[in-house]
C-alpha atoms as a PDB file:
ATOM      1  CA  MET A   1     -19.884  -9.187  27.958  1.00  0.00           C
ATOM      2  CA  SER A   2     -18.696 -11.206  25.333  1.00  0.00           C
ATOM      3  CA  ALA A   3     -15.262 -10.582  23.322  1.00  0.00           C
ATOM      4  CA  VAL A   4     -15.143  -9.109  20.183  1.00  0.00           C
ATOM      5  CA  PRO A   5     -14.321 -12.008  17.565  1.00  0.00           C
ATOM      6  CA  ILE A   6     -10.878 -11.548  15.736  1.00  0.00           C
ATOM      7  CA  PRO A   7     -10.533 -12.293  12.096  1.00  0.00           C
ATOM      8  CA  SER A   8      -8.119 -15.002  11.812  1.00  0.00           C
ATOM      9  CA  ALA A   9      -5.590 -15.994   9.100  1.00  0.00           C
ATOM     10  CA  ALA A  10      -7.165 -20.007   9.441  1.00  0.00           C
ATOM     11  CA  ALA A  11     -10.168 -18.381   7.962  1.00  0.00           C
ATOM     12  CA  LEU A  12      -8.142 -18.441   4.566  1.00  0.00           C
ATOM     13  CA  LYS A  13      -8.367 -22.465   4.898  1.00  0.00           C
ATOM     14  CA  VAL A  14     -11.914 -22.856   6.093  1.00  0.00           C
ATOM     15  CA  PRO A  15     -13.718 -24.838   3.262  1.00  0.00           C
ATOM     16  CA  GLY A  16     -15.934 -22.389   1.451  1.00  0.00           C
ATOM     17  CA  PHE A  17     -13.640 -19.304   1.684  1.00  0.00           C
ATOM     18  CA  TRP A  18     -12.744 -19.042  -1.648  1.00  0.00           C
ATOM     19  CA  ARG A  19     -16.141 -19.909  -2.908  1.00  0.00           C
ATOM     20  CA  ARG A  20     -17.563 -16.926  -0.897  1.00  0.00           C
ATOM     21  CA  ALA A  21     -15.010 -14.931  -2.076  1.00  0.00           C
ATOM     22  CA  LEU A  22     -15.613 -15.497  -5.654  1.00  0.00           C
ATOM     23  CA  ARG A  23     -19.383 -14.263  -4.916  1.00  0.00           C
ATOM     24  CA  HIS A  24     -18.159 -11.129  -3.350  1.00  0.00           C
ATOM     25  CA  ARG A  25     -18.134  -8.282  -5.753  1.00  0.00           C
ATOM     26  CA  SER A  26     -15.639  -6.114  -3.990  1.00  0.00           C
ATOM     27  CA  PHE A  27     -13.441  -8.675  -3.604  1.00  0.00           C
ATOM     28  CA  VAL A  28     -13.326  -9.899  -7.158  1.00  0.00           C
ATOM     29  CA  LEU A  29     -13.293  -6.487  -8.720  1.00  0.00           C
ATOM     30  CA  GLY A  30     -10.473  -5.439  -6.435  1.00  0.00           C
ATOM     31  CA  GLY A  31      -8.429  -8.369  -7.120  1.00  0.00           C
ATOM     32  CA  MET A  32      -8.781  -7.933 -11.058  1.00  0.00           C
ATOM     33  CA  LEU A  33      -7.663  -4.481 -10.758  1.00  0.00           C
ATOM     34  CA  THR A  34      -4.945  -5.382  -8.388  1.00  0.00           C
ATOM     35  CA  LEU A  35      -3.839  -8.193 -10.407  1.00  0.00           C
ATOM     36  CA  LEU A  36      -3.783  -5.993 -13.604  1.00  0.00           C
ATOM     37  CA  LEU A  37      -1.380  -3.345 -12.160  1.00  0.00           C
ATOM     38  CA  LEU A  38       1.018  -6.489 -11.110  1.00  0.00           C
ATOM     39  CA  LEU A  39       0.440  -7.556 -14.628  1.00  0.00           C
ATOM     40  CA  ALA A  40       1.519  -4.243 -16.029  1.00  0.00           C
ATOM     41  CA  ALA A  41       4.621  -3.818 -13.790  1.00  0.00           C
ATOM     42  CA  ALA A  42       5.467  -7.272 -14.769  1.00  0.00           C
ATOM     43  CA  LEU A  43       5.192  -6.797 -18.443  1.00  0.00           C
ATOM     44  CA  SER A  44       7.307  -3.754 -18.395  1.00  0.00           C
ATOM     45  CA  LEU A  45      10.402  -5.674 -17.053  1.00  0.00           C
ATOM     46  CA  VAL A  46      10.447  -7.737 -20.449  1.00  0.00           C
ATOM     47  CA  TRP A  47       8.572  -5.492 -22.852  1.00  0.00           C
ATOM     48  CA  THR A  48       7.162  -2.089 -23.658  1.00  0.00           C
ATOM     49  CA  PRO A  49       5.811  -0.761 -26.973  1.00  0.00           C
ATOM     50  CA  TRP A  50       8.551   1.584 -27.001  1.00  0.00           C
ATOM     51  CA  SER A  51      11.433   2.666 -24.838  1.00  0.00           C
ATOM     52  CA  PRO A  52      10.260   4.910 -22.361  1.00  0.00           C
ATOM     53  CA  TYR A  53      13.425   6.607 -22.024  1.00  0.00           C
ATOM     54  CA  GLU A  54      13.641   7.434 -25.770  1.00  0.00           C
ATOM     55  CA  MET A  55      12.777  10.977 -26.836  1.00  0.00           C
ATOM     56  CA  ASP A  56      11.400  12.091 -30.239  1.00  0.00           C
ATOM     57  CA  MET A  57      10.742  15.745 -30.379  1.00  0.00           C
ATOM     58  CA  ALA A  58       9.511  15.394 -33.866  1.00  0.00           C
ATOM     59  CA  SER A  59       6.750  13.122 -32.670  1.00  0.00           C
ATOM     60  CA  LYS A  60       5.774  15.075 -29.402  1.00  0.00           C
ATOM     61  CA  LEU A  61       2.244  15.527 -28.302  1.00  0.00           C
ATOM     62  CA  LYS A  62       0.915  12.939 -31.053  1.00  0.00           C
ATOM     63  CA  PRO A  63      -2.694  11.513 -30.643  1.00  0.00           C
ATOM     64  CA  PRO A  64      -3.406   8.079 -29.792  1.00  0.00           C
ATOM     65  CA  SER A  65      -2.897   5.813 -32.976  1.00  0.00           C
ATOM     66  CA  GLY A  66      -1.592   2.435 -34.307  1.00  0.00           C
ATOM     67  CA  ALA A  67       2.028   3.219 -33.510  1.00  0.00           C
ATOM     68  CA  HIS A  68       1.490   4.979 -30.406  1.00  0.00           C
ATOM     69  CA  TRP A  69      -1.617   3.262 -28.803  1.00  0.00           C
ATOM     70  CA  LEU A  70      -2.162   6.381 -26.018  1.00  0.00           C
ATOM     71  CA  GLY A  71      -0.144   8.843 -27.756  1.00  0.00           C
ATOM     72  CA  THR A  72       3.040  10.681 -26.847  1.00  0.00           C
ATOM     73  CA  ASP A  73       4.151  13.076 -24.060  1.00  0.00           C
ATOM     74  CA  THR A  74       5.702  16.843 -24.569  1.00  0.00           C
ATOM     75  CA  PHE A  75       9.157  14.932 -25.135  1.00  0.00           C
ATOM     76  CA  GLY A  76       7.993  12.539 -27.548  1.00  0.00           C
ATOM     77  CA  ARG A  77       7.933   9.209 -25.751  1.00  0.00           C
ATOM     78  CA  ASP A  78       5.317   6.758 -26.116  1.00  0.00           C
ATOM     79  CA  VAL A  79       2.568   7.284 -23.032  1.00  0.00           C
ATOM     80  CA  ALA A  80       1.866   3.436 -22.866  1.00  0.00           C
ATOM     81  CA  SER A  81       5.462   2.615 -22.231  1.00  0.00           C
ATOM     82  CA  LEU A  82       5.514   5.521 -19.535  1.00  0.00           C
ATOM     83  CA  LEU A  83       2.485   3.727 -17.976  1.00  0.00           C
ATOM     84  CA  LEU A  84       3.655   0.341 -17.660  1.00  0.00           C
ATOM     85  CA  VAL A  85       7.064   1.258 -16.512  1.00  0.00           C
ATOM     86  CA  GLY A  86       5.627   3.871 -14.007  1.00  0.00           C
ATOM     87  CA  ALA A  87       3.602   0.911 -12.559  1.00  0.00           C
ATOM     88  CA  ARG A  88       7.063  -0.818 -11.625  1.00  0.00           C
ATOM     89  CA  ALA A  89       7.878   2.398  -9.726  1.00  0.00           C
ATOM     90  CA  SER A  90       4.507   2.594  -7.780  1.00  0.00           C
ATOM     91  CA  ILE A  91       4.698  -0.972  -6.843  1.00  0.00           C
ATOM     92  CA  LEU A  92       8.428  -0.669  -5.498  1.00  0.00           C
ATOM     93  CA  VAL A  93       7.424   2.358  -3.411  1.00  0.00           C
ATOM     94  CA  GLY A  94       4.351   0.618  -2.057  1.00  0.00           C
ATOM     95  CA  VAL A  95       6.196  -2.975  -0.867  1.00  0.00           C
ATOM     96  CA  ILE A  96       8.991  -1.123   0.727  1.00  0.00           C
ATOM     97  CA  ALA A  97       7.206   1.509   2.321  1.00  0.00           C
ATOM     98  CA  VAL A  98       4.341  -0.801   3.459  1.00  0.00           C
ATOM     99  CA  GLY A  99       7.056  -3.365   4.371  1.00  0.00           C
ATOM    100  CA  ILE A 100       8.897  -0.957   6.771  1.00  0.00           C
ATOM    101  CA  GLY A 101       5.457   0.166   8.486  1.00  0.00           C
ATOM    102  CA  LEU A 102       4.392  -3.593   8.682  1.00  0.00           C
ATOM    103  CA  VAL A 103       7.758  -4.476  10.299  1.00  0.00           C
ATOM    104  CA  VAL A 104       8.384  -2.174  12.826  1.00  0.00           C
ATOM    105  CA  GLY A 105       4.796  -1.046  13.447  1.00  0.00           C
ATOM    106  CA  THR A 106       3.753  -4.683  14.115  1.00  0.00           C
ATOM    107  CA  ALA A 107       6.864  -4.931  16.250  1.00  0.00           C
ATOM    108  CA  LEU A 108       6.136  -2.165  18.337  1.00  0.00           C
ATOM    109  CA  GLY A 109       2.616  -3.028  18.803  1.00  0.00           C
ATOM    110  CA  LEU A 110       3.447  -6.767  20.130  1.00  0.00           C
ATOM    111  CA  LEU A 111       5.594  -5.318  22.366  1.00  0.00           C
ATOM    112  CA  ALA A 112       3.188  -2.613  23.904  1.00  0.00           C
ATOM    113  CA  ALA A 113       0.260  -5.512  24.343  1.00  0.00           C
ATOM    114  CA  ALA A 114       2.951  -7.745  25.670  1.00  0.00           C
ATOM    115  CA  ARG A 115       4.609  -5.583  28.223  1.00  0.00           C
ATOM    116  CA  ARG A 116       1.847  -3.351  28.910  1.00  0.00           C
ATOM    117  CA  GLY A 117       2.669  -0.727  31.709  1.00  0.00           C
ATOM    118  CA  TRP A 118       5.023   2.261  30.968  1.00  0.00           C
ATOM    119  CA  VAL A 119       6.352   0.291  27.759  1.00  0.00           C
ATOM    120  CA  GLU A 120       2.933   0.573  26.108  1.00  0.00           C
ATOM    121  CA  GLU A 121       2.530   4.075  27.229  1.00  0.00           C
ATOM    122  CA  ALA A 122       5.790   5.161  25.831  1.00  0.00           C
ATOM    123  CA  ILE A 123       5.332   3.312  22.058  1.00  0.00           C
ATOM    124  CA  MET A 124       1.809   5.010  22.079  1.00  0.00           C
ATOM    125  CA  ARG A 125       3.215   8.319  22.502  1.00  0.00           C
ATOM    126  CA  LEU A 126       5.768   7.657  20.049  1.00  0.00           C
ATOM    127  CA  THR A 127       3.455   6.790  17.783  1.00  0.00           C
ATOM    128  CA  ASP A 128       1.202  10.179  18.541  1.00  0.00           C
ATOM    129  CA  PHE A 129       3.966  11.971  17.833  1.00  0.00           C
ATOM    130  CA  SER A 130       5.006  10.238  14.258  1.00  0.00           C
ATOM    131  CA  LEU A 131       1.338  10.961  13.132  1.00  0.00           C
ATOM    132  CA  ALA A 132       1.995  14.610  13.513  1.00  0.00           C
ATOM    133  CA  PHE A 133       4.559  14.511  10.439  1.00  0.00           C
ATOM    134  CA  PRO A 134       2.531  13.234   7.316  1.00  0.00           C
ATOM    135  CA  ALA A 135       4.584  11.124   4.537  1.00  0.00           C
ATOM    136  CA  ILE A 136       4.484  14.631   2.565  1.00  0.00           C
ATOM    137  CA  LEU A 137       5.532  16.995   5.207  1.00  0.00           C
ATOM    138  CA  SER A 138       8.408  14.123   6.236  1.00  0.00           C
ATOM    139  CA  ALA A 139       9.543  14.057   2.285  1.00  0.00           C
ATOM    140  CA  ILE A 140       9.811  17.715   2.258  1.00  0.00           C
ATOM    141  CA  MET A 141      12.026  17.480   5.335  1.00  0.00           C
ATOM    142  CA  MET A 142      14.144  14.631   4.410  1.00  0.00           C
ATOM    143  CA  THR A 143      14.658  16.443   0.625  1.00  0.00           C
ATOM    144  CA  ALA A 144      15.939  19.580   2.370  1.00  0.00           C
ATOM    145  CA  VAL A 145      18.768  17.525   4.219  1.00  0.00           C
ATOM    146  CA  PHE A 146      19.585  15.035   2.051  1.00  0.00           C
ATOM    147  CA  GLY A 147      17.856  15.711  -1.423  1.00  0.00           C
ATOM    148  CA  ALA A 148      15.125  14.739  -3.711  1.00  0.00           C
ATOM    149  CA  GLY A 149      14.846  11.101  -4.619  1.00  0.00           C
ATOM    150  CA  ILE A 150      12.762   7.726  -4.515  1.00  0.00           C
ATOM    151  CA  VAL A 151      14.655   6.455  -1.390  1.00  0.00           C
ATOM    152  CA  ASN A 152      13.709   9.512   0.517  1.00  0.00           C
ATOM    153  CA  ALA A 153      10.435   9.229  -0.705  1.00  0.00           C
ATOM    154  CA  ILE A 154      10.195   5.213   0.529  1.00  0.00           C
ATOM    155  CA  ILE A 155      11.565   6.179   3.852  1.00  0.00           C
ATOM    156  CA  ALA A 156       9.151   8.918   4.591  1.00  0.00           C
ATOM    157  CA  ILE A 157       6.176   6.767   3.537  1.00  0.00           C
ATOM    158  CA  GLY A 158       7.632   3.905   5.495  1.00  0.00           C
ATOM    159  CA  ILE A 159       7.871   6.113   8.691  1.00  0.00           C
ATOM    160  CA  TYR A 160       4.209   7.390   8.213  1.00  0.00           C
ATOM    161  CA  ASN A 161       3.145   3.851   8.062  1.00  0.00           C
ATOM    162  CA  ILE A 162       4.663   2.631  11.280  1.00  0.00           C
ATOM    163  CA  PRO A 163       2.478   4.357  13.862  1.00  0.00           C
ATOM    164  CA  THR A 164      -0.798   3.158  11.926  1.00  0.00           C
ATOM    165  CA  PHE A 165       0.401  -0.439  11.982  1.00  0.00           C
ATOM    166  CA  ALA A 166       1.529  -0.115  15.570  1.00  0.00           C
ATOM    167  CA  ARG A 167      -2.113   1.144  16.976  1.00  0.00           C
ATOM    168  CA  ILE A 168      -3.846  -1.592  15.056  1.00  0.00           C
ATOM    169  CA  THR A 169      -1.546  -4.418  16.122  1.00  0.00           C
ATOM    170  CA  ARG A 170      -1.542  -3.092  19.995  1.00  0.00           C
ATOM    171  CA  ALA A 171      -5.690  -3.068  19.950  1.00  0.00           C
ATOM    172  CA  SER A 172      -6.205  -6.267  17.882  1.00  0.00           C
ATOM    173  CA  ALA A 173      -3.285  -7.928  20.268  1.00  0.00           C
ATOM    174  CA  ASN A 174      -4.829  -6.872  23.406  1.00  0.00           C
ATOM    175  CA  ALA A 175      -7.919  -8.631  22.481  1.00  0.00           C
ATOM    176  CA  ILE A 176      -6.058 -11.827  22.039  1.00  0.00           C
ATOM    177  CA  TRP A 177      -4.338 -11.470  25.289  1.00  0.00           C
ATOM    178  CA  SER A 178      -7.511 -11.418  27.233  1.00  0.00           C
ATOM    179  CA  ARG A 179      -8.688 -15.083  25.714  1.00  0.00           C
ATOM    180  CA  GLU A 180      -8.888 -18.373  27.776  1.00  0.00           C
ATOM    181  CA  TYR A 181      -6.527 -20.149  25.817  1.00  0.00           C
ATOM    182  CA  VAL A 182      -3.600 -17.138  26.337  1.00  0.00           C
ATOM    183  CA  ALA A 183      -4.532 -17.774  30.100  1.00  0.00           C
ATOM    184  CA  ALA A 184      -3.908 -21.418  29.511  1.00  0.00           C
ATOM    185  CA  ALA A 185      -0.604 -20.996  27.846  1.00  0.00           C
ATOM    186  CA  ARG A 186       0.794 -18.562  30.560  1.00  0.00           C
ATOM    187  CA  ALA A 187      -0.422 -21.472  33.163  1.00  0.00           C
ATOM    188  CA  CYS A 188       1.633 -23.800  31.396  1.00  0.00           C
ATOM    189  CA  GLY A 189       4.774 -21.769  31.908  1.00  0.00           C
ATOM    190  CA  LYS A 190       5.088 -20.094  28.050  1.00  0.00           C
ATOM    191  CA  GLY A 191       6.519 -16.921  28.263  1.00  0.00           C
ATOM    192  CA  SER A 192       5.487 -13.485  26.424  1.00  0.00           C
ATOM    193  CA  PHE A 193       7.668 -13.973  23.663  1.00  0.00           C
ATOM    194  CA  ALA A 194       6.360 -17.510  22.719  1.00  0.00           C
ATOM    195  CA  ILE A 195       2.569 -16.765  23.507  1.00  0.00           C
ATOM    196  CA  THR A 196       3.049 -13.700  20.940  1.00  0.00           C
ATOM    197  CA  MET A 197       4.753 -15.887  18.223  1.00  0.00           C
ATOM    198  CA  GLN A 198       2.338 -18.879  18.621  1.00  0.00           C
ATOM    199  CA  HIS A 199      -0.882 -17.311  19.559  1.00  0.00           C
ATOM    200  CA  VAL A 200      -1.177 -13.590  19.094  1.00  0.00           C
ATOM    201  CA  LEU A 201       0.506 -13.128  15.880  1.00  0.00           C
ATOM    202  CA  PRO A 202      -1.468 -15.910  13.921  1.00  0.00           C
ATOM    203  CA  ASN A 203      -4.682 -14.650  15.233  1.00  0.00           C
ATOM    204  CA  ILE A 204      -4.265 -11.269  14.212  1.00  0.00           C
ATOM    205  CA  SER A 205      -2.464 -11.241  10.810  1.00  0.00           C
ATOM    206  CA  ALA A 206      -5.808 -11.147   8.881  1.00  0.00           C
ATOM    207  CA  VAL A 207      -6.180  -7.771  10.231  1.00  0.00           C
ATOM    208  CA  LEU A 208      -2.711  -7.058   9.049  1.00  0.00           C
ATOM    209  CA  ILE A 209      -3.510  -8.326   5.662  1.00  0.00           C
ATOM    210  CA  VAL A 210      -6.381  -6.312   5.168  1.00  0.00           C
ATOM    211  CA  GLN A 211      -4.347  -3.163   6.598  1.00  0.00           C
ATOM    212  CA  ILE A 212      -1.618  -4.062   3.981  1.00  0.00           C
ATOM    213  CA  THR A 213      -3.777  -3.673   1.193  1.00  0.00           C
ATOM    214  CA  ILE A 214      -5.315   0.007   2.534  1.00  0.00           C
ATOM    215  CA  ARG A 215      -1.879   1.268   3.322  1.00  0.00           C
ATOM    216  CA  PHE A 216      -0.649   0.144  -0.459  1.00  0.00           C
ATOM    217  CA  ALA A 217      -2.981   2.126  -2.044  1.00  0.00           C
ATOM    218  CA  ILE A 218      -2.199   4.845   0.327  1.00  0.00           C
ATOM    219  CA  ALA A 219       1.497   4.510  -0.449  1.00  0.00           C
ATOM    220  CA  ILE A 220       0.736   4.639  -4.283  1.00  0.00           C
ATOM    221  CA  LEU A 221      -1.315   7.849  -3.826  1.00  0.00           C
ATOM    222  CA  ALA A 222       1.560   9.382  -1.520  1.00  0.00           C
ATOM    223  CA  GLU A 223       4.484   8.411  -4.067  1.00  0.00           C
ATOM    224  CA  ALA A 224       2.385  10.216  -6.928  1.00  0.00           C
ATOM    225  CA  ALA A 225       1.916  13.195  -5.166  1.00  0.00           C
ATOM    226  CA  LEU A 226       5.588  13.694  -4.003  1.00  0.00           C
ATOM    227  CA  SER A 227       6.729  12.952  -7.542  1.00  0.00           C
ATOM    228  CA  TYR A 228       4.177  15.606  -8.766  1.00  0.00           C
ATOM    229  CA  LEU A 229       5.636  18.003  -6.432  1.00  0.00           C
ATOM    230  CA  GLY A 230       9.331  16.687  -7.810  1.00  0.00           C
ATOM    231  CA  LEU A 231      10.316  14.955  -4.264  1.00  0.00           C
ATOM    232  CA  GLY A 232       9.836  11.186  -5.280  1.00  0.00           C
ATOM    233  CA  THR A 233      10.871   9.436  -8.284  1.00  0.00           C
ATOM    234  CA  GLN A 234      13.214  11.604 -10.388  1.00  0.00           C
ATOM    235  CA  PRO A 235      14.004  11.939 -14.432  1.00  0.00           C
ATOM    236  CA  PRO A 236      14.440  10.035 -16.328  1.00  0.00           C
ATOM    237  CA  GLN A 237      12.600   6.989 -14.343  1.00  0.00           C
ATOM    238  CA  PRO A 238       8.921   7.197 -15.415  1.00  0.00           C
ATOM    239  CA  SER A 239       6.418   7.792 -12.697  1.00  0.00           C
ATOM    240  CA  TRP A 240       2.593   8.430 -12.759  1.00  0.00           C
ATOM    241  CA  GLY A 241       2.893  11.310 -10.490  1.00  0.00           C
ATOM    242  CA  ARG A 242       5.448  13.158 -12.402  1.00  0.00           C
ATOM    243  CA  MET A 243       3.360  11.925 -15.847  1.00  0.00           C
ATOM    244  CA  LEU A 244       0.532  14.292 -14.231  1.00  0.00           C
ATOM    245  CA  SER A 245       2.999  17.235 -13.380  1.00  0.00           C
ATOM    246  CA  GLU A 246       4.338  17.668 -16.758  1.00  0.00           C
ATOM    247  CA  ALA A 247       1.180  17.582 -18.213  1.00  0.00           C
ATOM    248  CA  GLN A 248      -0.606  20.301 -16.460  1.00  0.00           C
ATOM    249  CA  THR A 249       1.009  22.941 -18.740  1.00  0.00           C
ATOM    250  CA  MET A 250      -0.350  20.705 -21.768  1.00  0.00           C
ATOM    251  CA  MET A 251      -3.924  20.793 -20.487  1.00  0.00           C
ATOM    252  CA  PHE A 252      -5.552  22.594 -23.641  1.00  0.00           C
ATOM    253  CA  GLN A 253      -3.033  21.355 -26.387  1.00  0.00           C
ATOM    254  CA  SER A 254      -3.204  17.597 -25.078  1.00  0.00           C
ATOM    255  CA  PRO A 255      -5.824  16.852 -22.311  1.00  0.00           C
ATOM    256  CA  LEU A 256      -5.318  13.081 -22.590  1.00  0.00           C
ATOM    257  CA  LEU A 257      -1.745  13.585 -21.107  1.00  0.00           C
ATOM    258  CA  ALA A 258      -3.057  14.019 -17.795  1.00  0.00           C
ATOM    259  CA  VAL A 259      -6.224  11.686 -18.016  1.00  0.00           C
ATOM    260  CA  PHE A 260      -4.295   8.529 -18.591  1.00  0.00           C
ATOM    261  CA  PRO A 261      -1.996   8.631 -15.579  1.00  0.00           C
ATOM    262  CA  GLY A 262      -4.614  10.005 -13.568  1.00  0.00           C
ATOM    263  CA  MET A 263      -6.885   6.902 -14.201  1.00  0.00           C
ATOM    264  CA  ALA A 264      -4.289   4.658 -13.919  1.00  0.00           C
ATOM    265  CA  ILE A 265      -3.827   5.968 -10.210  1.00  0.00           C
ATOM    266  CA  ALA A 266      -7.408   5.787  -9.462  1.00  0.00           C
ATOM    267  CA  MET A 267      -7.784   2.535 -10.974  1.00  0.00           C
ATOM    268  CA  ALA A 268      -4.740   1.223  -8.858  1.00  0.00           C
ATOM    269  CA  VAL A 269      -5.987   2.613  -5.316  1.00  0.00           C
ATOM    270  CA  LEU A 270      -9.588   1.741  -6.320  1.00  0.00           C
ATOM    271  CA  GLY A 271      -8.558  -1.790  -6.811  1.00  0.00           C
ATOM    272  CA  LEU A 272      -6.471  -1.993  -3.726  1.00  0.00           C
ATOM    273  CA  ASN A 273      -9.073  -0.357  -1.683  1.00  0.00           C
ATOM    274  CA  LEU A 274     -11.804  -2.731  -3.009  1.00  0.00           C
ATOM    275  CA  LEU A 275      -9.774  -5.704  -2.259  1.00  0.00           C
ATOM    276  CA  GLY A 276      -9.299  -4.656   1.171  1.00  0.00           C
ATOM    277  CA  ASP A 277     -12.865  -3.875   1.690  1.00  0.00           C
ATOM    278  CA  GLY A 278     -13.344  -7.520   0.107  1.00  0.00           C
ATOM    279  CA  LEU A 279     -10.989  -9.135   2.523  1.00  0.00           C
ATOM    280  CA  ARG A 280     -12.275  -7.167   5.771  1.00  0.00           C
ATOM    281  CA  ASP A 281     -15.957  -8.855   5.106  1.00  0.00           C
ATOM    282  CA  LEU A 282     -14.751 -12.153   4.376  1.00  0.00           C
ATOM    283  CA  LEU A 283     -11.966 -12.306   7.313  1.00  0.00           C
ATOM    284  CA  ASP A 284     -14.354 -11.026   9.793  1.00  0.00           C
ATOM    285  CA  PRO A 285     -16.072 -14.002  11.610  1.00  0.00           C
ATOM    286  CA  ARG A 286     -19.378 -11.870  12.036  1.00  0.00           C
ATOM    287  CA  LEU A 287     -19.805 -10.594   8.613  1.00  0.00           C
ATOM    288  CA  ALA A 288     -18.948 -14.116   7.225  1.00  0.00           C
ATOM    289  CA  ARG A 289     -21.607 -15.521   9.353  1.00  0.00           C
ATOM    290  CA  ALA A 290     -24.146 -12.615   7.826  1.00  0.00           C
ATOM    291  CA  ARG A 291     -23.163 -13.738   4.328  1.00  0.00           C
END
């Protein structure tokens, strides 16, 4: 039976890749939504319509207007400003948490594929054990010991990402280790580390890129859920999840308070998922040929 083709980062350099990408609706729409998220976070670093930390009780629960484009919340803060700064918190958590999972999980997966035997078995059983503790449960346990905060939320989400990256890396790397060019590299006297860095890792990088977008979306959801429960981003730092939590008591007086942060979370997650789906289709050699 022929080997299953593994998507490679070299596909990004193939002439016509970006031409095909611009015709791929999921990739384009996901890229636009993701870019919008990044632009919102970048804009909040230099400008917001109002200060997201300034409370004005005389202007609380105002509807959308020329002064406050999306209205004000229960403390009189500008909702548009809170959404812009909240995007920054979501990206921060996503980048660091996914980075933890990517670095540690990829290293463990590469080690398992290179060494095999009891090393591979021990790493796989460790990942099975880690999967028994979801991000929210891990955050609750860490909060009980160290207190609530964004740092503990990031660590909990990062730990949750490690077994996923380890399993995907190990499965993809095992397929590469069975290839003829790896056998040729071994015959030339190259060691496991050199083969891993020169042949295995470059050829599984596309798989990891796709997984990063998917885990980033899950990290944003997890951060919002933890902040909603009071375990993530703490006041006065704005957070989409905490905006939802504060809006739940005002659903009848001002339902838009829940609509805007809910839409922000939904659009960010949708964009990253569509981007991941598009990258998967474009980087998979079989799907690329079909297109």
